[in-house]
Amino acid sequence: MKNLVWLVVAVLIALAGYMLFTGKGPQEVAIEASDAINAPAVADDVTQAAGEAADAITDTVDAAGDAITEAVDDATESANDAAEPAVQN
């Protein structure tokens, strides 16, 4: 318990020294600390947005692949239909 008291006293002295040398008040220090704590939330938002963008790109590529496959199938079928009369003669 004695060590905990000394730790709290040391933190308070360090905080007071920081405020004295920087000229910042307790509210400004609290705002900076709050911003630093919220930084991981911003990183999570960016990560989630990147994941959503990757999903959208994957869906677009899949749709393009399906469209190309369908176009090739239609072209092949049309070529076969056009070639049938020539083969029968």
N, C-alpha and C. Protein backbone atom coordinates (compact mmCIF):
# COMPACT_ATOMS: atom_id res chain seq x y z
N MET A 1 0.83 -1.19 0.00
CA MET A 1 0.00 0.00 0.00
C MET A 1 0.87 1.26 0.00
N LYS A 2 1.99 1.18 0.71
CA LYS A 2 2.89 2.32 0.79
C LYS A 2 3.46 2.65 -0.59
N ASN A 3 3.75 1.60 -1.37
CA ASN A 3 4.29 1.81 -2.72
C ASN A 3 3.25 2.47 -3.62
N LEU A 4 2.01 2.10 -3.45
CA LEU A 4 0.93 2.68 -4.26
C LEU A 4 0.80 4.18 -3.97
N VAL A 5 0.89 4.55 -2.72
CA VAL A 5 0.81 5.97 -2.34
C VAL A 5 1.96 6.74 -2.98
N TRP A 6 3.18 6.20 -2.93
CA TRP A 6 4.33 6.87 -3.54
C TRP A 6 4.16 6.97 -5.06
N LEU A 7 3.58 5.96 -5.66
CA LEU A 7 3.34 5.99 -7.11
C LEU A 7 2.36 7.10 -7.47
N VAL A 8 1.28 7.23 -6.72
CA VAL A 8 0.29 8.28 -6.97
C VAL A 8 0.93 9.65 -6.77
N VAL A 9 1.73 9.81 -5.72
CA VAL A 9 2.41 11.09 -5.48
C VAL A 9 3.36 11.41 -6.63
N ALA A 10 4.09 10.43 -7.12
CA ALA A 10 5.02 10.64 -8.23
C ALA A 10 4.28 11.05 -9.50
N VAL A 11 3.14 10.42 -9.76
CA VAL A 11 2.35 10.77 -10.95
C VAL A 11 1.83 12.19 -10.83
N LEU A 12 1.36 12.57 -9.66
CA LEU A 12 0.86 13.93 -9.47
C LEU A 12 1.97 14.97 -9.65
N ILE A 13 3.15 14.69 -9.14
CA ILE A 13 4.28 15.61 -9.31
C ILE A 13 4.67 15.71 -10.78
N ALA A 14 4.70 14.58 -11.47
CA ALA A 14 5.04 14.60 -12.89
C ALA A 14 4.00 15.38 -13.68
N LEU A 15 2.74 15.21 -13.38
CA LEU A 15 1.67 15.92 -14.07
C LEU A 15 1.75 17.42 -13.80
N ALA A 16 1.98 17.78 -12.56
CA ALA A 16 2.11 19.20 -12.21
C ALA A 16 3.32 19.82 -12.90
N GLY A 17 4.43 19.11 -12.97
CA GLY A 17 5.61 19.61 -13.66
C GLY A 17 5.36 19.77 -15.15
N TYR A 18 4.65 18.85 -15.74
CA TYR A 18 4.32 18.94 -17.16
C TYR A 18 3.46 20.17 -17.43
N MET A 19 2.45 20.38 -16.59
CA MET A 19 1.58 21.54 -16.78
C MET A 19 2.35 22.83 -16.54
N LEU A 20 3.27 22.85 -15.60
CA LEU A 20 4.04 24.05 -15.31
C LEU A 20 4.96 24.42 -16.48
N PHE A 21 5.64 23.44 -17.05
CA PHE A 21 6.60 23.72 -18.12
C PHE A 21 5.94 23.95 -19.48
N THR A 22 4.79 23.35 -19.72
CA THR A 22 4.13 23.54 -21.01
C THR A 22 3.17 24.71 -20.99
N GLY A 23 2.77 25.14 -19.82
CA GLY A 23 1.82 26.25 -19.71
C GLY A 23 0.40 25.83 -19.99
N LYS A 24 0.14 24.56 -20.03
CA LYS A 24 -1.20 24.06 -20.30
C LYS A 24 -1.94 23.86 -18.98
N GLY A 25 -3.24 24.11 -19.04
CA GLY A 25 -4.07 23.91 -17.86
C GLY A 25 -4.58 22.49 -17.78
N PRO A 26 -5.23 22.15 -16.70
CA PRO A 26 -5.75 20.79 -16.53
C PRO A 26 -6.75 20.39 -17.62
N GLN A 27 -7.55 21.36 -18.09
CA GLN A 27 -8.53 21.03 -19.13
C GLN A 27 -7.85 20.68 -20.44
N GLU A 28 -6.81 21.42 -20.79
CA GLU A 28 -6.09 21.13 -22.03
C GLU A 28 -5.39 19.77 -21.96
N VAL A 29 -4.83 19.47 -20.82
CA VAL A 29 -4.18 18.17 -20.64
C VAL A 29 -5.21 17.05 -20.74
N ALA A 30 -6.38 17.28 -20.14
CA ALA A 30 -7.45 16.27 -20.18
C ALA A 30 -7.94 16.06 -21.61
N ILE A 31 -8.03 17.14 -22.40
CA ILE A 31 -8.47 17.02 -23.80
C ILE A 31 -7.44 16.23 -24.60
N GLU A 32 -6.16 16.52 -24.40
CA GLU A 32 -5.12 15.77 -25.12
C GLU A 32 -5.16 14.29 -24.76
N ALA A 33 -5.35 14.01 -23.47
CA ALA A 33 -5.42 12.61 -23.04
C ALA A 33 -6.63 11.93 -23.65
N SER A 34 -7.75 12.64 -23.71
CA SER A 34 -8.96 12.08 -24.30
C SER A 34 -8.76 11.78 -25.78
N ASP A 35 -8.11 12.71 -26.48
CA ASP A 35 -7.84 12.49 -27.91
C ASP A 35 -6.93 11.29 -28.11
N ALA A 36 -5.94 11.15 -27.24
CA ALA A 36 -5.02 10.01 -27.36
C ALA A 36 -5.73 8.70 -27.10
N ILE A 37 -6.68 8.72 -26.19
CA ILE A 37 -7.43 7.49 -25.88
C ILE A 37 -8.36 7.13 -27.03
N ASN A 38 -8.93 8.13 -27.71
CA ASN A 38 -9.88 7.89 -28.80
C ASN A 38 -9.18 7.53 -30.10
N ALA A 39 -7.88 7.67 -30.19
CA ALA A 39 -7.16 7.37 -31.42
C ALA A 39 -7.37 5.94 -31.90
N PRO A 40 -7.37 4.92 -31.01
CA PRO A 40 -7.63 3.57 -31.50
C PRO A 40 -9.01 3.41 -32.14
N ALA A 41 -9.99 4.18 -31.69
CA ALA A 41 -11.31 4.10 -32.30
C ALA A 41 -11.26 4.58 -33.75
N VAL A 42 -10.47 5.61 -34.00
CA VAL A 42 -10.32 6.11 -35.37
C VAL A 42 -9.62 5.05 -36.22
N ALA A 43 -8.62 4.40 -35.67
CA ALA A 43 -7.92 3.35 -36.41
C ALA A 43 -8.87 2.20 -36.73
N ASP A 44 -9.75 1.85 -35.80
CA ASP A 44 -10.73 0.80 -36.05
C ASP A 44 -11.68 1.20 -37.17
N ASP A 45 -12.10 2.48 -37.19
CA ASP A 45 -12.99 2.96 -38.25
C ASP A 45 -12.30 2.88 -39.61
N VAL A 46 -11.03 3.25 -39.66
CA VAL A 46 -10.28 3.20 -40.92
C VAL A 46 -10.13 1.75 -41.38
N THR A 47 -9.84 0.87 -40.45
CA THR A 47 -9.69 -0.55 -40.79
C THR A 47 -11.00 -1.12 -41.32
N GLN A 48 -12.11 -0.76 -40.68
CA GLN A 48 -13.41 -1.24 -41.13
C GLN A 48 -13.74 -0.70 -42.53
N ALA A 49 -13.44 0.57 -42.77
CA ALA A 49 -13.70 1.15 -44.09
C ALA A 49 -12.86 0.47 -45.16
N ALA A 50 -11.61 0.16 -44.83
CA ALA A 50 -10.75 -0.53 -45.79
C ALA A 50 -11.28 -1.93 -46.09
N GLY A 51 -11.79 -2.60 -45.08
CA GLY A 51 -12.37 -3.92 -45.28
C GLY A 51 -13.60 -3.86 -46.17
N GLU A 52 -14.43 -2.85 -45.94
CA GLU A 52 -15.63 -2.69 -46.77
C GLU A 52 -15.25 -2.38 -48.22
N ALA A 53 -14.21 -1.56 -48.40
CA ALA A 53 -13.76 -1.25 -49.76
C ALA A 53 -13.23 -2.50 -50.45
N ALA A 54 -12.50 -3.33 -49.71
CA ALA A 54 -11.99 -4.57 -50.28
C ALA A 54 -13.13 -5.50 -50.68
N ASP A 55 -14.17 -5.56 -49.85
CA ASP A 55 -15.33 -6.38 -50.18
C ASP A 55 -16.02 -5.87 -51.44
N ALA A 56 -16.14 -4.55 -51.56
CA ALA A 56 -16.78 -3.97 -52.74
C ALA A 56 -15.97 -4.27 -53.99
N ILE A 57 -14.65 -4.19 -53.88
CA ILE A 57 -13.79 -4.49 -55.03
C ILE A 57 -13.93 -5.96 -55.42
N THR A 58 -13.98 -6.83 -54.43
CA THR A 58 -14.14 -8.26 -54.71
C THR A 58 -15.47 -8.53 -55.41
N ASP A 59 -16.53 -7.90 -54.93
CA ASP A 59 -17.84 -8.08 -55.56
C ASP A 59 -17.84 -7.57 -56.99
N THR A 60 -17.18 -6.44 -57.23
CA THR A 60 -17.11 -5.88 -58.58
C THR A 60 -16.33 -6.79 -59.52
N VAL A 61 -15.22 -7.32 -59.04
CA VAL A 61 -14.42 -8.24 -59.86
C VAL A 61 -15.21 -9.52 -60.15
N ASP A 62 -15.92 -10.03 -59.15
CA ASP A 62 -16.74 -11.23 -59.38
C ASP A 62 -17.83 -10.97 -60.42
N ALA A 63 -18.48 -9.81 -60.31
CA ALA A 63 -19.53 -9.47 -61.27
C ALA A 63 -18.95 -9.32 -62.68
N ALA A 64 -17.77 -8.70 -62.78
CA ALA A 64 -17.14 -8.55 -64.10
C ALA A 64 -16.76 -9.91 -64.67
N GLY A 65 -16.25 -10.79 -63.82
CA GLY A 65 -15.91 -12.14 -64.28
C GLY A 65 -17.13 -12.89 -64.77
N ASP A 66 -18.24 -12.76 -64.06
CA ASP A 66 -19.49 -13.41 -64.49
C ASP A 66 -19.96 -12.84 -65.83
N ALA A 67 -19.86 -11.52 -65.99
CA ALA A 67 -20.29 -10.90 -67.24
C ALA A 67 -19.41 -11.35 -68.40
N ILE A 68 -18.11 -11.46 -68.17
CA ILE A 68 -17.20 -11.92 -69.23
C ILE A 68 -17.50 -13.36 -69.60
N THR A 69 -17.72 -14.19 -68.60
CA THR A 69 -18.04 -15.59 -68.86
C THR A 69 -19.32 -15.72 -69.67
N GLU A 70 -20.32 -14.94 -69.32
CA GLU A 70 -21.59 -14.98 -70.05
C GLU A 70 -21.41 -14.49 -71.49
N ALA A 71 -20.60 -13.43 -71.68
CA ALA A 71 -20.36 -12.92 -73.02
C ALA A 71 -19.62 -13.94 -73.88
N VAL A 72 -18.65 -14.63 -73.30
CA VAL A 72 -17.90 -15.65 -74.04
C VAL A 72 -18.82 -16.82 -74.40
N ASP A 73 -19.66 -17.22 -73.46
CA ASP A 73 -20.61 -18.30 -73.74
C ASP A 73 -21.56 -17.91 -74.88
N ASP A 74 -22.08 -16.68 -74.84
CA ASP A 74 -22.98 -16.22 -75.90
C ASP A 74 -22.26 -16.15 -77.25
N ALA A 75 -21.02 -15.68 -77.24
CA ALA A 75 -20.26 -15.59 -78.49
C ALA A 75 -19.98 -16.98 -79.04
N THR A 76 -19.65 -17.91 -78.16
CA THR A 76 -19.37 -19.28 -78.59
C THR A 76 -20.64 -19.92 -79.18
N GLU A 77 -21.75 -19.69 -78.51
CA GLU A 77 -23.02 -20.25 -78.99
C GLU A 77 -23.39 -19.66 -80.34
N SER A 78 -23.19 -18.34 -80.50
CA SER A 78 -23.50 -17.69 -81.78
C SER A 78 -22.58 -18.22 -82.88
N ALA A 79 -21.31 -18.42 -82.58
CA ALA A 79 -20.38 -18.95 -83.57
C ALA A 79 -20.76 -20.37 -83.95
N ASN A 80 -21.16 -21.16 -82.98
CA ASN A 80 -21.59 -22.53 -83.28
C ASN A 80 -22.84 -22.54 -84.14
N ASP A 81 -23.80 -21.64 -83.82
CA ASP A 81 -25.03 -21.57 -84.61
C ASP A 81 -24.73 -21.14 -86.04
N ALA A 82 -23.78 -20.22 -86.21
CA ALA A 82 -23.44 -19.75 -87.54
C ALA A 82 -22.67 -20.81 -88.31
N ALA A 83 -21.91 -21.64 -87.63
CA ALA A 83 -21.10 -22.65 -88.31
C ALA A 83 -21.90 -23.90 -88.65
N GLU A 84 -23.00 -24.16 -88.03
CA GLU A 84 -23.79 -25.38 -88.27
C GLU A 84 -24.23 -25.52 -89.73
N PRO A 85 -24.77 -24.47 -90.36
CA PRO A 85 -25.19 -24.64 -91.75
C PRO A 85 -24.02 -24.98 -92.67
N ALA A 86 -22.85 -24.43 -92.40
CA ALA A 86 -21.69 -24.70 -93.24
C ALA A 86 -21.24 -26.14 -93.06
N VAL A 87 -21.35 -26.68 -91.88
CA VAL A 87 -20.92 -28.06 -91.62
C VAL A 87 -21.91 -29.04 -92.25
N GLN A 88 -23.18 -28.70 -92.27
CA GLN A 88 -24.19 -29.61 -92.81
C GLN A 88 -24.10 -29.72 -94.33
N ASN A 89 -23.57 -28.74 -94.99
CA ASN A 89 -23.48 -28.80 -96.46
C ASN A 89 -22.25 -29.48 -96.88
